[in-house]
N, C-alpha and C. Protein backbone atom coordinates (compact mmCIF):
# COMPACT_ATOMS: atom_id res chain seq x y z
N MET A 1 19.37 -30.10 8.69
CA MET A 1 17.98 -30.35 8.69
C MET A 1 17.55 -30.21 7.20
N LYS A 2 16.79 -31.13 6.68
CA LYS A 2 16.34 -31.21 5.37
C LYS A 2 15.27 -30.23 5.11
N MET A 3 15.30 -29.36 4.12
CA MET A 3 14.36 -28.38 3.87
C MET A 3 13.23 -28.98 2.97
N GLU A 4 11.91 -28.70 3.36
CA GLU A 4 10.77 -29.21 2.55
C GLU A 4 10.03 -27.93 2.14
N THR A 5 9.64 -28.03 0.91
CA THR A 5 8.96 -26.75 0.39
C THR A 5 7.55 -27.13 -0.13
N LEU A 6 6.57 -26.17 -0.08
CA LEU A 6 5.27 -26.45 -0.45
C LEU A 6 5.15 -26.70 -1.98
N PRO A 7 4.36 -27.46 -2.42
CA PRO A 7 4.12 -27.58 -3.87
C PRO A 7 3.57 -26.26 -4.30
N VAL A 8 4.05 -25.92 -5.65
CA VAL A 8 3.60 -24.62 -6.14
C VAL A 8 2.14 -24.28 -6.15
N GLU A 9 1.40 -25.32 -6.48
CA GLU A 9 -0.07 -25.15 -6.55
C GLU A 9 -0.60 -24.77 -5.21
N THR A 10 -0.13 -25.47 -4.06
CA THR A 10 -0.68 -25.17 -2.81
C THR A 10 -0.11 -23.84 -2.31
N ALA A 11 1.13 -23.41 -2.74
CA ALA A 11 1.54 -22.02 -2.41
C ALA A 11 0.65 -20.99 -2.87
N VAL A 12 0.21 -21.13 -4.10
CA VAL A 12 -0.65 -20.20 -4.89
C VAL A 12 -1.90 -20.22 -4.21
N GLU A 13 -2.55 -21.32 -3.85
CA GLU A 13 -3.69 -21.41 -3.09
C GLU A 13 -3.72 -20.66 -1.79
N TRP A 14 -2.60 -20.83 -1.00
CA TRP A 14 -2.45 -20.17 0.31
C TRP A 14 -2.42 -18.63 -0.04
N VAL A 15 -1.68 -18.33 -0.88
CA VAL A 15 -1.49 -16.82 -1.10
C VAL A 15 -2.97 -16.22 -1.64
N THR A 16 -3.56 -16.86 -2.58
CA THR A 16 -4.72 -16.29 -3.20
C THR A 16 -5.89 -16.31 -2.15
N ALA A 17 -5.85 -17.16 -1.16
CA ALA A 17 -6.85 -17.20 0.02
C ALA A 17 -6.85 -15.85 0.70
N TRP A 18 -5.65 -15.21 0.78
CA TRP A 18 -5.52 -13.96 1.58
C TRP A 18 -5.47 -12.59 0.69
N THR A 19 -5.35 -12.74 -0.58
CA THR A 19 -5.09 -11.45 -1.36
C THR A 19 -6.19 -10.82 -1.99
N GLY A 20 -7.31 -11.57 -2.16
CA GLY A 20 -8.50 -11.00 -2.71
C GLY A 20 -9.52 -10.56 -1.87
N LEU A 21 -9.18 -10.20 -0.72
CA LEU A 21 -10.13 -9.86 0.38
C LEU A 21 -10.51 -8.48 0.34
N SER A 22 -11.66 -8.12 0.70
CA SER A 22 -12.18 -6.63 0.88
C SER A 22 -11.84 -6.22 2.26
N TRP A 23 -11.13 -5.07 2.24
CA TRP A 23 -10.62 -4.58 3.58
C TRP A 23 -11.58 -3.55 3.99
N PRO A 24 -11.78 -3.29 5.33
CA PRO A 24 -11.09 -4.08 6.32
C PRO A 24 -11.60 -5.43 6.46
N VAL A 25 -10.67 -6.36 6.83
CA VAL A 25 -10.93 -7.83 7.17
C VAL A 25 -11.36 -7.98 8.68
N SER A 26 -12.37 -8.69 8.81
CA SER A 26 -12.79 -9.03 10.26
C SER A 26 -11.95 -10.21 10.76
N TRP A 27 -11.73 -10.31 12.00
CA TRP A 27 -11.13 -11.38 12.67
C TRP A 27 -11.89 -12.67 12.36
N GLU A 28 -13.20 -12.67 12.23
CA GLU A 28 -13.93 -13.87 11.89
C GLU A 28 -13.57 -14.34 10.62
N THR A 29 -13.39 -13.48 9.61
CA THR A 29 -13.03 -13.89 8.28
C THR A 29 -11.49 -14.38 8.28
N ALA A 30 -10.73 -13.79 8.96
CA ALA A 30 -9.26 -14.30 8.99
C ALA A 30 -9.14 -15.58 9.66
N PHE A 31 -9.84 -15.81 10.77
CA PHE A 31 -9.92 -17.07 11.46
C PHE A 31 -10.54 -18.21 10.51
N ALA A 32 -11.66 -17.78 9.78
CA ALA A 32 -12.28 -18.83 9.01
C ALA A 32 -11.32 -19.21 7.77
N ILE A 33 -10.60 -18.23 7.23
CA ILE A 33 -9.60 -18.70 6.14
C ILE A 33 -8.47 -19.53 6.76
N ARG A 34 -7.97 -19.17 7.90
CA ARG A 34 -6.99 -20.01 8.50
C ARG A 34 -7.50 -21.40 8.72
N ASP A 35 -8.70 -21.54 9.20
CA ASP A 35 -9.22 -22.97 9.35
C ASP A 35 -9.44 -23.64 8.20
N ARG A 36 -9.97 -23.05 7.09
CA ARG A 36 -10.19 -23.55 5.92
C ARG A 36 -8.96 -24.10 5.18
N LEU A 37 -7.91 -23.45 5.39
CA LEU A 37 -6.52 -23.84 4.90
C LEU A 37 -6.02 -25.08 5.68
N GLY A 38 -6.63 -25.42 6.80
CA GLY A 38 -6.17 -26.53 7.67
C GLY A 38 -4.99 -26.20 8.65
N TRP A 39 -4.85 -24.82 8.93
CA TRP A 39 -3.90 -24.49 9.75
C TRP A 39 -4.39 -24.49 11.16
N VAL A 40 -3.65 -24.98 12.09
CA VAL A 40 -4.01 -25.12 13.52
C VAL A 40 -3.65 -24.00 14.35
N SER A 41 -4.66 -23.46 15.06
CA SER A 41 -4.46 -22.32 15.94
C SER A 41 -3.63 -22.68 17.14
N HIS A 42 -2.69 -21.74 17.51
CA HIS A 42 -1.87 -21.93 18.67
C HIS A 42 -2.81 -21.91 19.97
N PRO A 43 -2.61 -22.75 20.86
CA PRO A 43 -3.57 -22.92 21.96
C PRO A 43 -3.58 -21.67 22.91
N LYS A 44 -2.47 -20.94 22.91
CA LYS A 44 -2.55 -19.73 23.93
C LYS A 44 -2.90 -18.41 23.18
N ASN A 45 -2.67 -18.44 21.84
CA ASN A 45 -3.04 -17.16 21.11
C ASN A 45 -3.45 -17.57 19.63
N SER A 46 -4.71 -17.26 19.38
CA SER A 46 -5.25 -17.78 18.12
C SER A 46 -4.68 -16.97 16.97
N ARG A 47 -4.01 -15.89 17.11
CA ARG A 47 -3.43 -15.23 16.12
C ARG A 47 -2.22 -15.83 15.49
N PHE A 48 -1.69 -16.84 16.18
CA PHE A 48 -0.53 -17.69 15.75
C PHE A 48 -1.10 -19.05 15.30
N PHE A 49 -0.38 -19.71 14.49
CA PHE A 49 -0.83 -20.99 13.97
C PHE A 49 0.27 -21.83 13.32
N VAL A 50 -0.10 -23.15 13.19
CA VAL A 50 0.87 -24.07 12.70
C VAL A 50 0.35 -24.57 11.39
N THR A 51 1.17 -24.69 10.33
CA THR A 51 0.74 -25.24 9.02
C THR A 51 1.30 -26.62 8.85
N SER A 52 1.06 -27.21 7.79
CA SER A 52 1.56 -28.54 7.50
C SER A 52 3.14 -28.51 7.45
N LEU A 53 3.76 -27.43 7.25
CA LEU A 53 5.19 -27.26 7.17
C LEU A 53 5.93 -27.16 8.49
N SER A 54 5.12 -27.10 9.58
CA SER A 54 5.71 -26.75 10.87
C SER A 54 6.46 -27.95 11.38
N THR A 55 7.66 -27.56 12.20
CA THR A 55 8.31 -28.56 12.86
C THR A 55 7.88 -28.57 14.26
N GLY A 56 6.88 -28.14 14.62
CA GLY A 56 6.31 -28.08 16.06
C GLY A 56 6.02 -26.70 16.58
N GLU A 57 6.69 -25.79 16.02
CA GLU A 57 6.50 -24.40 16.44
C GLU A 57 5.59 -23.62 15.45
N ALA A 58 4.95 -22.66 16.05
CA ALA A 58 4.06 -21.80 15.18
C ALA A 58 4.80 -21.25 13.97
N ASP A 59 4.39 -21.35 12.75
CA ASP A 59 5.21 -20.89 11.47
C ASP A 59 4.33 -19.90 10.83
N GLY A 60 3.45 -19.24 11.44
CA GLY A 60 2.69 -18.00 10.89
C GLY A 60 1.95 -17.28 12.03
N GLY A 61 1.61 -16.09 11.59
CA GLY A 61 0.89 -15.26 12.44
C GLY A 61 0.24 -14.13 11.85
N MET A 62 -0.86 -13.59 12.51
CA MET A 62 -1.59 -12.62 12.06
C MET A 62 -1.37 -11.33 12.94
N THR A 63 -1.26 -10.21 12.24
CA THR A 63 -0.93 -8.95 12.85
C THR A 63 -2.20 -8.13 13.04
N LYS A 64 -1.96 -7.15 14.11
CA LYS A 64 -3.22 -6.21 14.34
C LYS A 64 -2.55 -4.92 14.46
N ASP A 65 -3.45 -3.99 14.26
CA ASP A 65 -3.08 -2.50 14.34
C ASP A 65 -3.26 -2.04 15.76
N GLU A 66 -2.99 -0.79 16.00
CA GLU A 66 -3.12 -0.19 17.32
C GLU A 66 -4.55 -0.23 17.84
N ASN A 67 -5.63 -0.40 16.99
CA ASN A 67 -6.96 -0.51 17.37
C ASN A 67 -7.43 -1.96 17.58
N GLY A 68 -6.61 -2.85 17.32
CA GLY A 68 -6.91 -4.29 17.43
C GLY A 68 -7.45 -4.92 16.17
N LEU A 69 -7.51 -4.22 15.17
CA LEU A 69 -8.04 -4.66 13.76
C LEU A 69 -6.98 -5.49 13.10
N PHE A 70 -7.51 -6.45 12.28
CA PHE A 70 -6.60 -7.32 11.41
C PHE A 70 -5.84 -6.53 10.45
N ARG A 71 -4.54 -6.69 10.40
CA ARG A 71 -3.69 -5.74 9.60
C ARG A 71 -2.98 -6.55 8.55
N GLY A 72 -2.77 -7.85 8.75
CA GLY A 72 -2.09 -8.68 7.81
C GLY A 72 -1.62 -10.15 8.47
N ILE A 73 -0.92 -10.78 7.57
CA ILE A 73 -0.57 -12.17 8.03
C ILE A 73 0.83 -12.48 7.43
N ASP A 74 1.63 -13.46 8.07
CA ASP A 74 2.63 -13.99 7.55
C ASP A 74 2.73 -15.51 7.64
N PHE A 75 3.10 -16.27 6.69
CA PHE A 75 3.18 -17.72 6.75
C PHE A 75 4.42 -18.22 5.96
N SER A 76 4.84 -19.38 6.44
CA SER A 76 6.00 -20.03 5.67
C SER A 76 5.47 -20.90 4.51
N LEU A 77 6.31 -20.88 3.35
CA LEU A 77 6.01 -21.83 2.30
C LEU A 77 7.06 -22.87 2.34
N ALA A 78 7.89 -23.03 3.41
CA ALA A 78 8.74 -24.14 3.57
C ALA A 78 9.17 -24.26 4.98
N THR A 79 9.67 -25.49 5.33
CA THR A 79 10.21 -25.73 6.65
C THR A 79 11.27 -24.68 6.89
N VAL A 80 11.24 -24.09 7.98
CA VAL A 80 12.40 -23.09 8.37
C VAL A 80 13.60 -23.98 8.78
N VAL A 81 14.74 -23.74 8.18
CA VAL A 81 15.90 -24.32 8.49
C VAL A 81 16.79 -23.42 9.30
N VAL A 82 17.10 -23.69 10.45
CA VAL A 82 17.78 -22.80 11.39
C VAL A 82 19.29 -22.74 10.94
N ARG A 83 19.77 -21.45 10.96
CA ARG A 83 21.30 -21.32 10.59
C ARG A 83 22.05 -22.32 11.39
N GLY A 84 22.97 -22.86 10.66
CA GLY A 84 23.86 -23.92 11.38
C GLY A 84 23.34 -25.33 11.27
N GLN A 85 21.98 -25.43 10.77
CA GLN A 85 21.54 -26.83 10.50
C GLN A 85 21.25 -27.15 9.13
N GLU A 86 21.77 -26.34 8.18
CA GLU A 86 21.47 -26.37 6.82
C GLU A 86 22.09 -27.73 6.29
N GLU A 87 21.53 -28.17 5.21
CA GLU A 87 22.07 -29.32 4.44
C GLU A 87 22.87 -28.59 3.36
N PRO A 88 23.79 -29.37 2.63
CA PRO A 88 24.50 -28.70 1.56
C PRO A 88 23.72 -28.18 0.52
N ASP A 89 22.51 -28.64 0.21
CA ASP A 89 21.70 -28.21 -0.86
C ASP A 89 20.58 -27.19 -0.48
N THR A 90 20.59 -26.71 0.77
CA THR A 90 19.56 -25.82 1.29
C THR A 90 19.36 -24.60 0.56
N ALA A 91 20.50 -23.92 0.30
CA ALA A 91 20.42 -22.71 -0.60
C ALA A 91 19.81 -22.94 -1.97
N PHE A 92 20.28 -24.04 -2.54
CA PHE A 92 19.73 -24.46 -3.89
C PHE A 92 18.14 -24.73 -3.81
N VAL A 93 17.88 -25.46 -2.86
CA VAL A 93 16.42 -25.79 -2.69
C VAL A 93 15.60 -24.47 -2.41
N THR A 94 16.18 -23.60 -1.66
CA THR A 94 15.44 -22.29 -1.34
C THR A 94 15.14 -21.52 -2.79
N TRP A 95 16.33 -21.37 -3.30
CA TRP A 95 16.27 -20.51 -4.70
C TRP A 95 15.52 -21.16 -5.77
N ALA A 96 15.50 -22.44 -5.83
CA ALA A 96 14.72 -23.18 -6.92
C ALA A 96 13.25 -23.01 -6.54
N ALA A 97 12.87 -23.23 -5.31
CA ALA A 97 11.38 -23.11 -4.94
C ALA A 97 11.03 -21.59 -5.04
N TYR A 98 11.79 -20.64 -4.54
CA TYR A 98 11.51 -19.24 -4.59
C TYR A 98 11.18 -18.87 -6.07
N GLU A 99 12.02 -19.25 -6.94
CA GLU A 99 11.78 -18.85 -8.38
C GLU A 99 10.52 -19.44 -8.84
N SER A 100 10.27 -20.80 -8.56
CA SER A 100 9.07 -21.36 -8.94
C SER A 100 7.87 -20.70 -8.42
N TYR A 101 7.85 -20.21 -7.19
CA TYR A 101 6.64 -19.45 -6.55
C TYR A 101 6.48 -18.08 -7.32
N VAL A 102 7.66 -17.44 -7.50
CA VAL A 102 7.62 -16.07 -8.23
C VAL A 102 6.89 -16.26 -9.60
N GLU A 103 7.35 -17.27 -10.31
CA GLU A 103 6.82 -17.45 -11.66
C GLU A 103 5.41 -17.76 -11.62
N ALA A 104 4.87 -18.68 -10.74
CA ALA A 104 3.57 -18.92 -10.60
C ALA A 104 2.67 -17.80 -10.09
N LEU A 105 3.10 -16.98 -9.13
CA LEU A 105 2.41 -15.85 -8.63
C LEU A 105 2.29 -14.79 -9.68
N ALA A 106 3.43 -14.58 -10.48
CA ALA A 106 3.41 -13.64 -11.52
C ALA A 106 2.38 -13.95 -12.60
N GLY A 107 2.12 -15.28 -12.80
CA GLY A 107 1.16 -15.70 -13.75
C GLY A 107 -0.24 -15.29 -13.18
N VAL A 108 -0.33 -15.18 -11.90
CA VAL A 108 -1.77 -14.75 -11.32
C VAL A 108 -1.89 -13.18 -11.19
N PHE A 109 -0.79 -12.58 -10.67
CA PHE A 109 -0.80 -11.16 -10.17
C PHE A 109 0.01 -10.29 -11.10
N GLY A 110 0.72 -10.72 -12.06
CA GLY A 110 1.56 -9.95 -12.94
C GLY A 110 3.00 -9.92 -12.26
N GLN A 111 3.86 -9.11 -12.94
CA GLN A 111 5.33 -9.08 -12.49
C GLN A 111 5.41 -8.26 -11.23
N PRO A 112 6.08 -8.90 -10.27
CA PRO A 112 6.37 -8.12 -8.99
C PRO A 112 7.54 -7.11 -9.09
N ARG A 113 7.68 -6.25 -8.12
CA ARG A 113 8.82 -5.46 -7.87
C ARG A 113 9.76 -6.33 -7.15
N THR A 114 11.07 -6.50 -7.54
CA THR A 114 11.91 -7.43 -6.91
C THR A 114 13.15 -6.65 -6.35
N GLU A 115 13.79 -7.36 -5.43
CA GLU A 115 14.97 -6.82 -4.87
C GLU A 115 15.86 -8.14 -4.45
N VAL A 116 17.17 -8.01 -4.73
CA VAL A 116 18.09 -9.05 -4.20
C VAL A 116 19.19 -8.35 -3.59
N ARG A 117 19.47 -8.78 -2.30
CA ARG A 117 20.62 -8.26 -1.60
C ARG A 117 21.58 -9.33 -1.22
N ARG A 118 22.90 -8.98 -1.28
CA ARG A 118 24.00 -9.78 -0.95
C ARG A 118 24.01 -11.04 -1.79
N ARG A 119 23.73 -10.96 -3.19
CA ARG A 119 23.64 -11.99 -4.08
C ARG A 119 24.88 -12.88 -3.93
N GLY A 120 24.63 -14.13 -3.93
CA GLY A 120 25.64 -15.20 -3.86
C GLY A 120 26.31 -15.27 -2.33
N ALA A 121 25.95 -14.46 -1.43
CA ALA A 121 26.50 -14.66 -0.05
C ALA A 121 25.61 -15.70 0.59
N GLU A 122 26.16 -16.20 1.76
CA GLU A 122 25.39 -17.13 2.54
C GLU A 122 24.13 -16.44 3.06
N SER A 123 24.19 -15.10 3.33
CA SER A 123 23.11 -14.37 3.85
C SER A 123 22.17 -13.68 2.57
N GLU A 124 22.32 -14.10 1.44
CA GLU A 124 21.52 -13.70 0.35
C GLU A 124 20.19 -13.51 0.69
N HIS A 125 19.43 -12.39 0.28
CA HIS A 125 17.93 -12.11 0.63
C HIS A 125 17.34 -11.70 -0.59
N ARG A 126 16.18 -12.37 -0.89
CA ARG A 126 15.42 -12.04 -2.13
C ARG A 126 14.03 -11.71 -1.64
N ASN A 127 13.44 -10.59 -2.39
CA ASN A 127 12.07 -10.26 -2.06
C ASN A 127 11.40 -9.78 -3.30
N SER A 128 10.18 -10.39 -3.40
CA SER A 128 9.27 -10.05 -4.65
C SER A 128 7.95 -9.45 -3.98
N LYS A 129 7.48 -8.30 -4.51
CA LYS A 129 6.33 -7.63 -3.92
C LYS A 129 5.37 -7.36 -4.98
N TRP A 130 4.01 -7.69 -4.69
CA TRP A 130 2.96 -7.24 -5.56
C TRP A 130 2.08 -6.27 -4.94
N TYR A 131 1.67 -5.24 -5.67
CA TYR A 131 0.58 -4.34 -5.23
C TYR A 131 -0.67 -4.66 -5.91
N LEU A 132 -1.74 -4.83 -5.16
CA LEU A 132 -3.03 -5.48 -5.66
C LEU A 132 -4.14 -4.40 -5.78
N PRO A 133 -5.04 -4.75 -6.64
CA PRO A 133 -6.23 -3.74 -6.98
C PRO A 133 -6.93 -3.41 -5.70
N ASN A 134 -7.07 -4.24 -4.77
CA ASN A 134 -7.89 -3.89 -3.47
C ASN A 134 -7.00 -3.01 -2.60
N ARG A 135 -5.83 -2.52 -3.15
CA ARG A 135 -5.01 -1.63 -2.38
C ARG A 135 -4.01 -2.33 -1.45
N SER A 136 -4.23 -3.60 -1.22
CA SER A 136 -3.42 -4.32 -0.16
C SER A 136 -2.07 -4.83 -1.09
N SER A 137 -1.24 -5.46 -0.38
CA SER A 137 -0.01 -5.92 -1.07
C SER A 137 0.39 -7.25 -0.46
N PHE A 138 1.34 -7.93 -1.19
CA PHE A 138 2.02 -9.05 -0.47
C PHE A 138 3.35 -9.14 -0.97
N SER A 139 4.25 -9.71 -0.22
CA SER A 139 5.62 -10.00 -0.54
C SER A 139 6.05 -11.46 -0.34
N LEU A 140 6.96 -11.98 -1.20
CA LEU A 140 7.51 -13.30 -0.95
C LEU A 140 8.98 -12.90 -0.70
N THR A 141 9.43 -13.46 0.52
CA THR A 141 10.81 -13.15 0.83
C THR A 141 11.48 -14.42 1.11
N ALA A 142 12.79 -14.45 0.91
CA ALA A 142 13.63 -15.70 1.03
C ALA A 142 15.06 -15.31 1.42
N LEU A 143 15.51 -16.15 2.35
CA LEU A 143 16.88 -16.33 2.77
C LEU A 143 17.24 -17.85 2.61
N PRO A 144 18.39 -18.20 2.53
CA PRO A 144 18.66 -19.63 2.41
C PRO A 144 18.01 -20.33 3.66
N GLY A 145 17.10 -21.32 3.37
CA GLY A 145 16.46 -22.11 4.45
C GLY A 145 15.17 -21.47 4.97
N VAL A 146 14.70 -20.25 4.35
CA VAL A 146 13.48 -19.64 4.85
C VAL A 146 12.77 -19.01 3.60
N ILE A 147 11.52 -19.28 3.48
CA ILE A 147 10.61 -18.75 2.48
C ILE A 147 9.25 -18.33 3.16
N THR A 148 9.08 -17.03 3.10
CA THR A 148 7.83 -16.56 3.87
C THR A 148 7.10 -15.57 2.96
N VAL A 149 5.66 -15.59 3.17
CA VAL A 149 4.88 -14.65 2.42
C VAL A 149 4.31 -13.75 3.60
N TYR A 150 4.25 -12.43 3.30
CA TYR A 150 3.58 -11.44 4.12
C TYR A 150 2.52 -10.68 3.31
N VAL A 151 1.37 -10.67 3.92
CA VAL A 151 0.22 -9.91 3.33
C VAL A 151 0.04 -8.62 4.13
N PHE A 152 -0.21 -7.56 3.38
CA PHE A 152 -0.27 -6.32 4.09
C PHE A 152 -1.67 -5.57 3.76
N SER A 153 -2.19 -4.99 4.73
CA SER A 153 -3.49 -4.23 4.63
C SER A 153 -3.15 -3.08 3.66
N PRO A 154 -4.37 -2.45 3.23
CA PRO A 154 -4.14 -1.16 2.52
C PRO A 154 -3.46 -0.09 3.23
N GLU A 155 -3.56 -0.01 4.46
CA GLU A 155 -2.91 1.10 5.23
C GLU A 155 -1.38 0.78 5.36
N VAL A 156 -1.08 -0.35 5.55
CA VAL A 156 0.37 -0.71 5.54
C VAL A 156 0.96 -0.58 4.16
N THR A 157 0.23 -0.94 3.18
CA THR A 157 0.63 -0.77 1.75
C THR A 157 0.92 0.81 1.35
N TRP A 158 -0.10 1.47 1.91
CA TRP A 158 -0.01 2.96 1.57
C TRP A 158 1.22 3.52 2.20
N ALA A 159 1.57 3.16 3.46
CA ALA A 159 2.80 3.65 4.12
C ALA A 159 4.03 3.21 3.37
N ASP A 160 4.00 1.97 2.75
CA ASP A 160 5.10 1.50 2.11
C ASP A 160 5.41 2.18 0.81
N LEU A 161 4.22 2.56 0.03
CA LEU A 161 4.32 3.28 -1.14
C LEU A 161 4.69 4.76 -0.93
N GLU A 162 4.26 5.35 0.16
CA GLU A 162 4.60 6.67 0.55
C GLU A 162 6.23 6.76 0.93
N ASP A 163 6.50 5.71 1.65
CA ASP A 163 8.06 5.71 1.98
C ASP A 163 8.83 5.59 0.62
N GLN A 164 8.54 4.78 -0.40
CA GLN A 164 9.09 4.78 -1.60
C GLN A 164 9.15 6.04 -2.36
N ARG A 165 8.05 6.63 -2.32
CA ARG A 165 7.91 7.94 -2.94
C ARG A 165 8.91 9.09 -2.28
N LEU A 166 8.81 8.98 -0.92
CA LEU A 166 9.73 10.08 -0.24
C LEU A 166 11.17 9.70 -0.48
N THR A 167 11.51 8.42 -0.49
CA THR A 167 12.99 8.00 -0.62
C THR A 167 13.38 8.43 -2.04
N GLU A 168 12.40 8.24 -3.07
CA GLU A 168 12.80 8.76 -4.42
C GLU A 168 13.01 10.24 -4.56
N GLU A 169 12.06 10.89 -3.90
CA GLU A 169 12.16 12.41 -3.96
C GLU A 169 13.35 12.94 -3.02
N TYR A 170 13.55 12.47 -1.83
CA TYR A 170 14.55 13.02 -0.89
C TYR A 170 15.73 12.29 -0.71
N GLY A 171 15.83 11.00 -1.06
CA GLY A 171 16.88 10.09 -0.70
C GLY A 171 16.60 9.20 0.46
N GLU A 172 17.67 8.34 0.73
CA GLU A 172 17.47 7.26 1.65
C GLU A 172 17.07 7.69 3.12
N ASN A 173 17.68 8.77 3.52
CA ASN A 173 17.36 9.25 5.01
C ASN A 173 16.42 10.39 4.99
N TRP A 174 15.40 10.26 4.05
CA TRP A 174 14.41 11.32 4.02
C TRP A 174 13.82 11.85 5.34
N GLU A 175 13.70 10.93 6.35
CA GLU A 175 13.16 11.28 7.61
C GLU A 175 13.92 12.34 8.31
N ASP A 176 15.22 12.43 8.05
CA ASP A 176 16.03 13.41 8.68
C ASP A 176 15.84 14.90 8.06
N PHE A 177 15.22 14.86 6.91
CA PHE A 177 14.96 16.12 6.36
C PHE A 177 13.58 16.78 6.39
N ILE A 178 12.64 15.97 6.71
CA ILE A 178 11.23 16.35 6.84
C ILE A 178 10.73 16.36 8.17
N GLU A 179 10.15 17.41 8.54
CA GLU A 179 9.57 17.60 9.87
C GLU A 179 8.18 17.76 9.87
């Protein structure tokens, strides 16, 4: 399957539509942004949607917390290439697009916190994360054939930062030592 990626300008537009919000974000606001971006609601569950990159299945979704409040969103910046259906250039296309997105987003939000796992392997994973002034955060993640944005509420962002702090202070398995 041939991988198609979103133009950089459109990717930045999609990301910035979700990152400058005042939290908490109402469902009405979230659905209005989804609709403004031209994403089509899934007929059975409006929290899921199809973008212009979809191959027929929902390629994005909104998450809610235990109280039913909007908590975040994820969406693809490329057609998702299923493992085993890659073209010879899928990894190259993924990494070229990912690097272009990181560069453009860094121009808007500053340098991200980055992580690369299994560099050079078929299952290489890259992640860039930005922490925003409104206390929310977002990440751009990629595997060969997949590029996804995740936008997180301030509550989820706080939990992430607290986990980082505790890991730095107590080590990887800090949960085993703290009661």
